[in-house]
Amino acid sequence: MKAPFASAAKALFAIPGGPAVDFARPVGEPALAAPDSVSWRVFKNPVALFVGGITAVLLELAEPRVRTGVWAHSSFRADPLTRLKRTGLAAMVTVYGARSVAETMIAGIGRQHARVGGVTPGGEPYQALDVALLDWVQATASFGFLTAYHALVRPLSPADRDQFYAEAAPAARLYGALGAPRSEAEWEAQLAAMLPRLERSPIVLEFLDLMRGTPIAGPLSGLQPPLIRAAVGLVPPEVREVLGLGADWLPRPLELRLIRAAARWADRAAIPGAPPWEACVRMGLPGDWLYRR
């Protein structure tokens, strides 16, 4: 299983005609987060990334300005696989890429966002560079990835969870998310403040249908529907209620056992050539260093 899983993991970030990132260069240049960070530990797990990424998008789509910006100005509906690969590659560069590579990429994303704006169907103006919206996107991403790892791979201590949020601060500032949460308590406060703005939309169900119909999980393709239900299950209950995602969208106990087994296996399955491996090599560490911790 390891060989096809490795090739599928590499293919996850291969974008036809897109940028080719060498995570092994420049030799010795640090990333925005350190090799012994909680971030490096969490982001190496493809199951947590897949599930947590969907959780984050569901939270983003609950906010009408973010939802309109994503749905009106991205290729999600026309080409969801490429859009997800671009998002995954951006996450890998932000965490594992050399600092100079990450800064260049983030600056480019900022220039793209500067052109995104409009009016929601409800008549509310929005701009993608609005700090409040950037804060929400950063917060939901941190929550999604962290919660997926904590729930499906291995529990993280309160100190590690706070550290994960804090480690995202340098990248968040580069993205323009100046008020992104720096601890679990700050995430909970931000969620409570944002909750009155969240609303139900048929776009959420359209997104979930796209995720069910887009084969992106490689050797885990047989688990794709349960993985999507697991992602819904990680959305805070009060937000699930707003979105109208009832019990039929939640994972079954057997599904959770299978997903946890796959996620824990993936946490120890070092993949030569994948971003975490190459980043370790760049920093003078064995490629499988992260997988032995």
C-alpha atoms as a PDB file:
ATOM      1  CA  MET A   1       0.000   0.000   0.000  1.00  0.00           C
ATOM      2  CA  LYS A   2       2.867   2.376   0.739  1.00  0.00           C
ATOM      3  CA  ALA A   3       3.957   2.874  -2.884  1.00  0.00           C
ATOM      4  CA  PRO A   4       0.524   3.882  -4.257  1.00  0.00           C
ATOM      5  CA  PHE A   5      -0.112   5.988  -1.169  1.00  0.00           C
ATOM      6  CA  ALA A   6       3.182   7.817  -1.704  1.00  0.00           C
ATOM      7  CA  SER A   7       2.460   8.502  -5.359  1.00  0.00           C
ATOM      8  CA  ALA A   8      -1.053   9.689  -4.524  1.00  0.00           C
ATOM      9  CA  ALA A   9       0.249  11.998  -1.808  1.00  0.00           C
ATOM     10  CA  LYS A  10       2.710  13.576  -4.250  1.00  0.00           C
ATOM     11  CA  ALA A  11       0.025  13.876  -6.916  1.00  0.00           C
ATOM     12  CA  LEU A  12      -2.158  15.760  -4.449  1.00  0.00           C
ATOM     13  CA  PHE A  13       0.041  18.828  -4.917  1.00  0.00           C
ATOM     14  CA  ALA A  14       0.884  18.373  -8.614  1.00  0.00           C
ATOM     15  CA  ILE A  15      -1.002  21.075 -10.520  1.00  0.00           C
ATOM     16  CA  PRO A  16      -0.841  20.815 -14.323  1.00  0.00           C
ATOM     17  CA  GLY A  17       0.679  24.049 -15.570  1.00  0.00           C
ATOM     18  CA  GLY A  18       0.999  25.276 -12.003  1.00  0.00           C
ATOM     19  CA  PRO A  19       4.019  26.219  -9.889  1.00  0.00           C
ATOM     20  CA  ALA A  20       6.640  23.601  -9.017  1.00  0.00           C
ATOM     21  CA  VAL A  21       7.894  24.131  -5.473  1.00  0.00           C
ATOM     22  CA  ASP A  22      11.182  22.628  -4.313  1.00  0.00           C
ATOM     23  CA  PHE A  23      10.771  22.147  -0.572  1.00  0.00           C
ATOM     24  CA  ALA A  24      14.400  21.007  -0.279  1.00  0.00           C
ATOM     25  CA  ARG A  25      15.786  24.421  -1.321  1.00  0.00           C
ATOM     26  CA  PRO A  26      17.374  26.732  -0.345  1.00  0.00           C
ATOM     27  CA  VAL A  27      19.359  24.368   1.847  1.00  0.00           C
ATOM     28  CA  GLY A  28      19.284  25.370   5.504  1.00  0.00           C
ATOM     29  CA  GLU A  29      16.707  28.139   5.164  1.00  0.00           C
ATOM     30  CA  PRO A  30      14.086  27.945   7.946  1.00  0.00           C
ATOM     31  CA  ALA A  31      10.355  27.882   7.357  1.00  0.00           C
ATOM     32  CA  LEU A  32       7.853  30.167   9.060  1.00  0.00           C
ATOM     33  CA  ALA A  33       7.441  27.395  11.662  1.00  0.00           C
ATOM     34  CA  ALA A  34      10.215  25.279  13.178  1.00  0.00           C
ATOM     35  CA  PRO A  35      10.688  21.536  12.516  1.00  0.00           C
ATOM     36  CA  ASP A  36       9.783  20.704  16.133  1.00  0.00           C
ATOM     37  CA  SER A  37       6.580  22.753  15.956  1.00  0.00           C
ATOM     38  CA  VAL A  38       3.086  21.387  16.422  1.00  0.00           C
ATOM     39  CA  SER A  39       2.341  22.686  12.909  1.00  0.00           C
ATOM     40  CA  TRP A  40       4.941  20.448  11.262  1.00  0.00           C
ATOM     41  CA  ARG A  41       3.527  17.503  13.199  1.00  0.00           C
ATOM     42  CA  VAL A  42      -0.096  18.190  12.198  1.00  0.00           C
ATOM     43  CA  PHE A  43       0.319  19.122   8.545  1.00  0.00           C
ATOM     44  CA  LYS A  44       2.222  15.967   7.641  1.00  0.00           C
ATOM     45  CA  ASN A  45      -0.969  13.899   8.001  1.00  0.00           C
ATOM     46  CA  PRO A  46      -2.973  13.743   4.730  1.00  0.00           C
ATOM     47  CA  VAL A  47      -6.107  12.400   6.391  1.00  0.00           C
ATOM     48  CA  ALA A  48      -6.211  15.283   8.860  1.00  0.00           C
ATOM     49  CA  LEU A  49      -5.563  17.747   6.036  1.00  0.00           C
ATOM     50  CA  PHE A  50      -8.397  16.380   3.889  1.00  0.00           C
ATOM     51  CA  VAL A  51     -10.939  16.265   6.703  1.00  0.00           C
ATOM     52  CA  GLY A  52      -9.826  19.497   8.360  1.00  0.00           C
ATOM     53  CA  GLY A  53      -9.789  21.336   5.060  1.00  0.00           C
ATOM     54  CA  ILE A  54     -13.435  20.471   4.398  1.00  0.00           C
ATOM     55  CA  THR A  55     -14.379  21.496   7.948  1.00  0.00           C
ATOM     56  CA  ALA A  56     -12.663  24.856   7.394  1.00  0.00           C
ATOM     57  CA  VAL A  57     -14.444  25.480   4.082  1.00  0.00           C
ATOM     58  CA  LEU A  58     -17.834  24.707   5.645  1.00  0.00           C
ATOM     59  CA  LEU A  59     -17.165  27.324   8.316  1.00  0.00           C
ATOM     60  CA  GLU A  60     -16.005  29.813   5.692  1.00  0.00           C
ATOM     61  CA  LEU A  61     -19.095  29.252   3.550  1.00  0.00           C
ATOM     62  CA  ALA A  62     -21.312  30.006   6.533  1.00  0.00           C
ATOM     63  CA  GLU A  63     -20.176  33.654   6.400  1.00  0.00           C
ATOM     64  CA  PRO A  64     -22.013  35.442   3.537  1.00  0.00           C
ATOM     65  CA  ARG A  65     -19.184  37.749   2.443  1.00  0.00           C
ATOM     66  CA  VAL A  66     -16.584  34.981   2.434  1.00  0.00           C
ATOM     67  CA  ARG A  67     -19.039  32.613   0.741  1.00  0.00           C
ATOM     68  CA  THR A  68     -19.765  35.062  -2.063  1.00  0.00           C
ATOM     69  CA  GLY A  69     -16.090  35.800  -2.608  1.00  0.00           C
ATOM     70  CA  VAL A  70     -15.166  32.119  -2.751  1.00  0.00           C
ATOM     71  CA  TRP A  71     -18.057  31.040  -4.970  1.00  0.00           C
ATOM     72  CA  ALA A  72     -18.001  34.017  -7.332  1.00  0.00           C
ATOM     73  CA  HIS A  73     -14.251  34.419  -7.775  1.00  0.00           C
ATOM     74  CA  SER A  74     -12.761  30.923  -7.649  1.00  0.00           C
ATOM     75  CA  SER A  75     -12.841  27.771  -9.765  1.00  0.00           C
ATOM     76  CA  PHE A  76     -14.488  25.625  -7.079  1.00  0.00           C
ATOM     77  CA  ARG A  77     -17.569  24.803  -9.132  1.00  0.00           C
ATOM     78  CA  ALA A  78     -15.835  24.447 -12.511  1.00  0.00           C
ATOM     79  CA  ASP A  79     -12.687  22.598 -11.376  1.00  0.00           C
ATOM     80  CA  PRO A  80     -12.840  21.648  -7.699  1.00  0.00           C
ATOM     81  CA  LEU A  81      -9.882  19.256  -7.832  1.00  0.00           C
ATOM     82  CA  THR A  82      -7.421  21.870  -9.132  1.00  0.00           C
ATOM     83  CA  ARG A  83      -8.793  24.434  -6.694  1.00  0.00           C
ATOM     84  CA  LEU A  84      -8.261  22.047  -3.783  1.00  0.00           C
ATOM     85  CA  LYS A  85      -4.757  21.190  -4.983  1.00  0.00           C
ATOM     86  CA  ARG A  86      -3.854  24.876  -5.102  1.00  0.00           C
ATOM     87  CA  THR A  87      -5.166  25.346  -1.585  1.00  0.00           C
ATOM     88  CA  GLY A  88      -3.253  22.283  -0.380  1.00  0.00           C
ATOM     89  CA  LEU A  89      -0.032  23.443  -2.009  1.00  0.00           C
ATOM     90  CA  ALA A  90      -0.417  26.890  -0.424  1.00  0.00           C
ATOM     91  CA  ALA A  91      -0.812  25.252   2.995  1.00  0.00           C
ATOM     92  CA  MET A  92       2.293  23.108   2.443  1.00  0.00           C
ATOM     93  CA  VAL A  93       4.385  26.101   1.358  1.00  0.00           C
ATOM     94  CA  THR A  94       3.148  28.176   4.293  1.00  0.00           C
ATOM     95  CA  VAL A  95       4.163  25.492   6.797  1.00  0.00           C
ATOM     96  CA  TYR A  96       7.099  23.643   5.202  1.00  0.00           C
ATOM     97  CA  GLY A  97       8.466  25.933   2.510  1.00  0.00           C
ATOM     98  CA  ALA A  98      11.575  28.032   3.041  1.00  0.00           C
ATOM     99  CA  ARG A  99      10.664  31.431   4.467  1.00  0.00           C
ATOM    100  CA  SER A 100      11.621  33.293   1.289  1.00  0.00           C
ATOM    101  CA  VAL A 101       9.495  30.922  -0.819  1.00  0.00           C
ATOM    102  CA  ALA A 102       6.514  31.255   1.526  1.00  0.00           C
ATOM    103  CA  GLU A 103       6.770  35.053   1.627  1.00  0.00           C
ATOM    104  CA  THR A 104       6.862  35.252  -2.170  1.00  0.00           C
ATOM    105  CA  MET A 105       3.858  32.942  -2.523  1.00  0.00           C
ATOM    106  CA  ILE A 106       1.807  34.768   0.104  1.00  0.00           C
ATOM    107  CA  ALA A 107       2.547  38.126  -1.509  1.00  0.00           C
ATOM    108  CA  GLY A 108       1.261  36.729  -4.812  1.00  0.00           C
ATOM    109  CA  ILE A 109      -1.929  35.490  -3.160  1.00  0.00           C
ATOM    110  CA  GLY A 110      -2.396  38.923  -1.638  1.00  0.00           C
ATOM    111  CA  ARG A 111      -2.177  40.533  -5.080  1.00  0.00           C
ATOM    112  CA  GLN A 112      -4.831  38.130  -6.354  1.00  0.00           C
ATOM    113  CA  HIS A 113      -7.089  38.897  -3.389  1.00  0.00           C
ATOM    114  CA  ALA A 114      -6.731  42.615  -4.004  1.00  0.00           C
ATOM    115  CA  ARG A 115      -8.795  42.152  -7.177  1.00  0.00           C
ATOM    116  CA  VAL A 116     -11.622  40.296  -5.424  1.00  0.00           C
ATOM    117  CA  GLY A 117     -14.631  42.227  -4.226  1.00  0.00           C
ATOM    118  CA  GLY A 118     -18.289  42.840  -4.879  1.00  0.00           C
ATOM    119  CA  VAL A 119     -21.685  42.711  -3.230  1.00  0.00           C
ATOM    120  CA  THR A 120     -23.335  39.683  -1.616  1.00  0.00           C
ATOM    121  CA  PRO A 121     -26.823  38.573  -2.728  1.00  0.00           C
ATOM    122  CA  GLY A 122     -28.044  40.234   0.469  1.00  0.00           C
ATOM    123  CA  GLY A 123     -26.617  43.575  -0.662  1.00  0.00           C
ATOM    124  CA  GLU A 124     -23.558  43.700   1.598  1.00  0.00           C
ATOM    125  CA  PRO A 125     -20.292  44.906   0.041  1.00  0.00           C
ATOM    126  CA  TYR A 126     -17.135  42.855   0.576  1.00  0.00           C
ATOM    127  CA  GLN A 127     -13.441  42.951  -0.255  1.00  0.00           C
ATOM    128  CA  ALA A 128     -11.207  39.892   0.028  1.00  0.00           C
ATOM    129  CA  LEU A 129      -8.554  41.974   1.803  1.00  0.00           C
ATOM    130  CA  ASP A 130     -10.982  42.996   4.553  1.00  0.00           C
ATOM    131  CA  VAL A 131      -9.063  42.128   7.733  1.00  0.00           C
ATOM    132  CA  ALA A 132     -12.176  40.713   9.431  1.00  0.00           C
ATOM    133  CA  LEU A 133     -12.694  38.261   6.569  1.00  0.00           C
ATOM    134  CA  LEU A 134      -9.015  37.309   6.448  1.00  0.00           C
ATOM    135  CA  ASP A 135      -9.142  36.716  10.211  1.00  0.00           C
ATOM    136  CA  TRP A 136     -12.132  34.378   9.801  1.00  0.00           C
ATOM    137  CA  VAL A 137     -10.507  32.396   6.983  1.00  0.00           C
ATOM    138  CA  GLN A 138      -7.292  32.017   8.998  1.00  0.00           C
ATOM    139  CA  ALA A 139      -9.220  31.071  12.134  1.00  0.00           C
ATOM    140  CA  THR A 140     -11.318  28.430  10.384  1.00  0.00           C
ATOM    141  CA  ALA A 141      -8.262  26.899   8.717  1.00  0.00           C
ATOM    142  CA  SER A 142      -6.406  26.628  12.028  1.00  0.00           C
ATOM    143  CA  PHE A 143      -9.468  25.179  13.743  1.00  0.00           C
ATOM    144  CA  GLY A 144     -10.171  22.667  10.971  1.00  0.00           C
ATOM    145  CA  PHE A 145      -6.679  21.203  10.664  1.00  0.00           C
ATOM    146  CA  LEU A 146      -6.017  21.200  14.408  1.00  0.00           C
ATOM    147  CA  THR A 147      -9.362  19.635  15.324  1.00  0.00           C
ATOM    148  CA  ALA A 148      -9.081  16.947  12.658  1.00  0.00           C
ATOM    149  CA  TYR A 149      -5.651  15.899  13.929  1.00  0.00           C
ATOM    150  CA  HIS A 150      -6.761  16.046  17.570  1.00  0.00           C
ATOM    151  CA  ALA A 151      -9.943  14.033  16.942  1.00  0.00           C
ATOM    152  CA  LEU A 152      -8.768  11.521  14.353  1.00  0.00           C
ATOM    153  CA  VAL A 153      -5.005  11.032  14.745  1.00  0.00           C
ATOM    154  CA  ARG A 154      -3.949  11.604  18.335  1.00  0.00           C
ATOM    155  CA  PRO A 155      -5.118  13.909  21.123  1.00  0.00           C
ATOM    156  CA  LEU A 156      -3.135  17.103  21.613  1.00  0.00           C
ATOM    157  CA  SER A 157      -2.689  18.733  24.997  1.00  0.00           C
ATOM    158  CA  PRO A 158      -4.246  22.159  25.683  1.00  0.00           C
ATOM    159  CA  ALA A 159      -0.737  23.619  25.575  1.00  0.00           C
ATOM    160  CA  ASP A 160      -0.075  22.055  22.153  1.00  0.00           C
ATOM    161  CA  ARG A 161      -3.412  23.312  20.835  1.00  0.00           C
ATOM    162  CA  ASP A 162      -2.634  26.843  21.989  1.00  0.00           C
ATOM    163  CA  GLN A 163       0.840  26.529  20.498  1.00  0.00           C
ATOM    164  CA  PHE A 164      -0.608  25.515  17.129  1.00  0.00           C
ATOM    165  CA  TYR A 165      -2.678  28.700  16.946  1.00  0.00           C
ATOM    166  CA  ALA A 166       0.298  30.791  18.069  1.00  0.00           C
ATOM    167  CA  GLU A 167       2.589  29.244  15.441  1.00  0.00           C
ATOM    168  CA  ALA A 168       0.232  30.436  12.687  1.00  0.00           C
ATOM    169  CA  ALA A 169       0.709  34.094  13.655  1.00  0.00           C
ATOM    170  CA  PRO A 170       3.713  34.906  11.386  1.00  0.00           C
ATOM    171  CA  ALA A 171       1.972  33.531   8.292  1.00  0.00           C
ATOM    172  CA  ALA A 172      -1.350  35.092   9.324  1.00  0.00           C
ATOM    173  CA  ARG A 173       0.272  38.524   9.470  1.00  0.00           C
ATOM    174  CA  LEU A 174       1.756  38.033   5.997  1.00  0.00           C
ATOM    175  CA  TYR A 175      -1.697  37.134   4.685  1.00  0.00           C
ATOM    176  CA  GLY A 176      -3.127  40.251   6.365  1.00  0.00           C
ATOM    177  CA  ALA A 177      -5.057  38.402   9.072  1.00  0.00           C
ATOM    178  CA  LEU A 178      -3.991  40.740  11.856  1.00  0.00           C
ATOM    179  CA  GLY A 179      -6.599  39.554  14.365  1.00  0.00           C
ATOM    180  CA  ALA A 180      -6.395  35.802  13.807  1.00  0.00           C
ATOM    181  CA  PRO A 181      -6.677  33.750  17.021  1.00  0.00           C
ATOM    182  CA  ARG A 182      -3.445  32.975  18.848  1.00  0.00           C
ATOM    183  CA  SER A 183      -4.944  30.418  21.259  1.00  0.00           C
ATOM    184  CA  GLU A 184      -7.898  28.089  21.572  1.00  0.00           C
ATOM    185  CA  ALA A 185      -9.654  30.598  23.843  1.00  0.00           C
ATOM    186  CA  GLU A 186      -9.248  33.312  21.203  1.00  0.00           C
ATOM    187  CA  TRP A 187     -10.723  30.964  18.571  1.00  0.00           C
ATOM    188  CA  GLU A 188     -13.737  30.296  20.787  1.00  0.00           C
ATOM    189  CA  ALA A 189     -14.215  34.032  21.333  1.00  0.00           C
ATOM    190  CA  GLN A 190     -13.970  34.697  17.597  1.00  0.00           C
ATOM    191  CA  LEU A 191     -16.498  31.958  16.833  1.00  0.00           C
ATOM    192  CA  ALA A 192     -18.935  33.382  19.398  1.00  0.00           C
ATOM    193  CA  ALA A 193     -18.550  36.869  17.922  1.00  0.00           C
ATOM    194  CA  MET A 194     -19.047  35.621  14.362  1.00  0.00           C
ATOM    195  CA  LEU A 195     -21.971  33.272  15.075  1.00  0.00           C
ATOM    196  CA  PRO A 196     -24.733  35.922  14.666  1.00  0.00           C
ATOM    197  CA  ARG A 197     -23.431  36.630  11.136  1.00  0.00           C
ATOM    198  CA  LEU A 198     -23.447  33.015   9.976  1.00  0.00           C
ATOM    199  CA  GLU A 199     -26.320  31.798   7.824  1.00  0.00           C
ATOM    200  CA  ARG A 200     -27.669  28.832   5.899  1.00  0.00           C
ATOM    201  CA  SER A 201     -27.085  28.673   2.140  1.00  0.00           C
ATOM    202  CA  PRO A 202     -27.710  26.086  -0.602  1.00  0.00           C
ATOM    203  CA  ILE A 203     -24.082  26.687  -1.608  1.00  0.00           C
ATOM    204  CA  VAL A 204     -23.012  24.630   1.419  1.00  0.00           C
ATOM    205  CA  LEU A 205     -24.892  21.589   0.106  1.00  0.00           C
ATOM    206  CA  GLU A 206     -23.551  22.250  -3.391  1.00  0.00           C
ATOM    207  CA  PHE A 207     -20.019  22.239  -1.987  1.00  0.00           C
ATOM    208  CA  LEU A 208     -20.613  18.954  -0.142  1.00  0.00           C
ATOM    209  CA  ASP A 209     -22.039  17.393  -3.303  1.00  0.00           C
ATOM    210  CA  LEU A 210     -18.914  18.492  -5.203  1.00  0.00           C
ATOM    211  CA  MET A 211     -16.706  16.914  -2.551  1.00  0.00           C
ATOM    212  CA  ARG A 212     -18.617  13.638  -2.773  1.00  0.00           C
ATOM    213  CA  GLY A 213     -18.372  13.606  -6.558  1.00  0.00           C
ATOM    214  CA  THR A 214     -14.718  14.644  -6.922  1.00  0.00           C
ATOM    215  CA  PRO A 215     -12.290  11.681  -6.546  1.00  0.00           C
ATOM    216  CA  ILE A 216      -9.395  13.207  -4.641  1.00  0.00           C
ATOM    217  CA  ALA A 217      -8.512  10.751  -1.868  1.00  0.00           C
ATOM    218  CA  GLY A 218      -6.336   8.275  -3.830  1.00  0.00           C
ATOM    219  CA  PRO A 219      -6.024   4.967  -1.948  1.00  0.00           C
ATOM    220  CA  LEU A 220      -8.539   6.331   0.555  1.00  0.00           C
ATOM    221  CA  SER A 221     -11.178   6.865  -2.127  1.00  0.00           C
ATOM    222  CA  GLY A 222     -13.336   4.151  -0.582  1.00  0.00           C
ATOM    223  CA  LEU A 223     -13.441   6.237   2.579  1.00  0.00           C
ATOM    224  CA  GLN A 224     -14.239   9.508   0.841  1.00  0.00           C
ATOM    225  CA  PRO A 225     -17.935   9.736   1.836  1.00  0.00           C
ATOM    226  CA  PRO A 226     -17.138   8.846   5.483  1.00  0.00           C
ATOM    227  CA  LEU A 227     -14.265  11.355   5.460  1.00  0.00           C
ATOM    228  CA  ILE A 228     -16.680  14.059   4.336  1.00  0.00           C
ATOM    229  CA  ARG A 229     -19.134  13.100   7.081  1.00  0.00           C
ATOM    230  CA  ALA A 230     -16.264  13.192   9.587  1.00  0.00           C
ATOM    231  CA  ALA A 231     -15.502  16.739   8.443  1.00  0.00           C
ATOM    232  CA  VAL A 232     -19.119  17.765   8.988  1.00  0.00           C
ATOM    233  CA  GLY A 233     -18.973  16.166  12.427  1.00  0.00           C
ATOM    234  CA  LEU A 234     -16.079  18.424  13.417  1.00  0.00           C
ATOM    235  CA  VAL A 235     -18.019  21.607  12.626  1.00  0.00           C
ATOM    236  CA  PRO A 236     -19.119  23.132  15.967  1.00  0.00           C
ATOM    237  CA  PRO A 237     -22.692  21.990  16.741  1.00  0.00           C
ATOM    238  CA  GLU A 238     -24.067  25.535  16.823  1.00  0.00           C
ATOM    239  CA  VAL A 239     -22.749  26.143  13.301  1.00  0.00           C
ATOM    240  CA  ARG A 240     -24.092  22.793  12.033  1.00  0.00           C
ATOM    241  CA  GLU A 241     -27.493  23.857  13.303  1.00  0.00           C
ATOM    242  CA  VAL A 242     -27.271  27.172  11.440  1.00  0.00           C
ATOM    243  CA  LEU A 243     -26.249  25.348   8.253  1.00  0.00           C
ATOM    244  CA  GLY A 244     -29.008  22.752   8.599  1.00  0.00           C
ATOM    245  CA  LEU A 245     -26.595  19.807   8.639  1.00  0.00           C
ATOM    246  CA  GLY A 246     -28.447  17.226  10.717  1.00  0.00           C
ATOM    247  CA  ALA A 247     -27.639  13.763  12.007  1.00  0.00           C
ATOM    248  CA  ASP A 248     -27.749  12.207   8.532  1.00  0.00           C
ATOM    249  CA  TRP A 249     -24.577  14.188   7.704  1.00  0.00           C
ATOM    250  CA  LEU A 250     -22.622  12.815  10.684  1.00  0.00           C
ATOM    251  CA  PRO A 251     -20.203   9.853  10.582  1.00  0.00           C
ATOM    252  CA  ARG A 252     -21.197   6.406  11.844  1.00  0.00           C
ATOM    253  CA  PRO A 253     -19.194   4.871  14.729  1.00  0.00           C
ATOM    254  CA  LEU A 254     -17.661   2.181  12.487  1.00  0.00           C
ATOM    255  CA  GLU A 255     -16.662   4.837   9.956  1.00  0.00           C
ATOM    256  CA  LEU A 256     -14.877   6.810  12.656  1.00  0.00           C
ATOM    257  CA  ARG A 257     -12.945   3.720  13.740  1.00  0.00           C
ATOM    258  CA  LEU A 258     -11.819   3.079  10.160  1.00  0.00           C
ATOM    259  CA  ILE A 259     -10.856   6.719   9.618  1.00  0.00           C
ATOM    260  CA  ARG A 260      -8.874   6.853  12.859  1.00  0.00           C
ATOM    261  CA  ALA A 261      -7.013   3.675  11.909  1.00  0.00           C
ATOM    262  CA  ALA A 262      -6.134   5.138   8.491  1.00  0.00           C
ATOM    263  CA  ALA A 263      -5.150   8.488   9.986  1.00  0.00           C
ATOM    264  CA  ARG A 264      -2.876   6.911  12.603  1.00  0.00           C
ATOM    265  CA  TRP A 265      -1.240   4.725   9.971  1.00  0.00           C
ATOM    266  CA  ALA A 266      -0.681   7.769   7.742  1.00  0.00           C
ATOM    267  CA  ASP A 267       0.928   9.611  10.644  1.00  0.00           C
ATOM    268  CA  ARG A 268       3.789   7.088  10.596  1.00  0.00           C
ATOM    269  CA  ALA A 269       3.969   6.522   6.827  1.00  0.00           C
ATOM    270  CA  ALA A 270       6.928   8.605   5.720  1.00  0.00           C
ATOM    271  CA  ILE A 271       6.605   9.617   2.069  1.00  0.00           C
ATOM    272  CA  PRO A 272       9.911  10.348   0.280  1.00  0.00           C
ATOM    273  CA  GLY A 273       9.603  13.426  -1.895  1.00  0.00           C
ATOM    274  CA  ALA A 274       6.530  14.812  -0.128  1.00  0.00           C
ATOM    275  CA  PRO A 275       6.795  18.362   1.325  1.00  0.00           C
ATOM    276  CA  PRO A 276       7.353  17.283   4.970  1.00  0.00           C
ATOM    277  CA  TRP A 277      10.133  14.893   3.929  1.00  0.00           C
ATOM    278  CA  GLU A 278      11.840  17.443   1.665  1.00  0.00           C
ATOM    279  CA  ALA A 279      11.550  20.180   4.303  1.00  0.00           C
ATOM    280  CA  CYS A 280      13.303  17.954   6.847  1.00  0.00           C
ATOM    281  CA  VAL A 281      16.093  17.279   4.356  1.00  0.00           C
ATOM    282  CA  ARG A 282      16.438  21.029   3.709  1.00  0.00           C
ATOM    283  CA  MET A 283      16.980  21.551   7.436  1.00  0.00           C
ATOM    284  CA  GLY A 284      19.640  18.823   7.659  1.00  0.00           C
ATOM    285  CA  LEU A 285      17.342  16.234   9.243  1.00  0.00           C
ATOM    286  CA  PRO A 286      16.555  12.691   8.063  1.00  0.00           C
ATOM    287  CA  GLY A 287      13.625  12.730   5.673  1.00  0.00           C
ATOM    288  CA  ASP A 288      11.525  10.551   7.986  1.00  0.00           C
ATOM    289  CA  TRP A 289      12.416  12.553  11.115  1.00  0.00           C
ATOM    290  CA  LEU A 290       8.888  13.889  11.628  1.00  0.00           C
ATOM    291  CA  TYR A 291       7.390  10.415  11.376  1.00  0.00           C
ATOM    292  CA  ARG A 292       9.591   9.016  14.147  1.00  0.00           C
ATOM    293  CA  ARG A 293       8.740  11.660  16.758  1.00  0.00           C
END
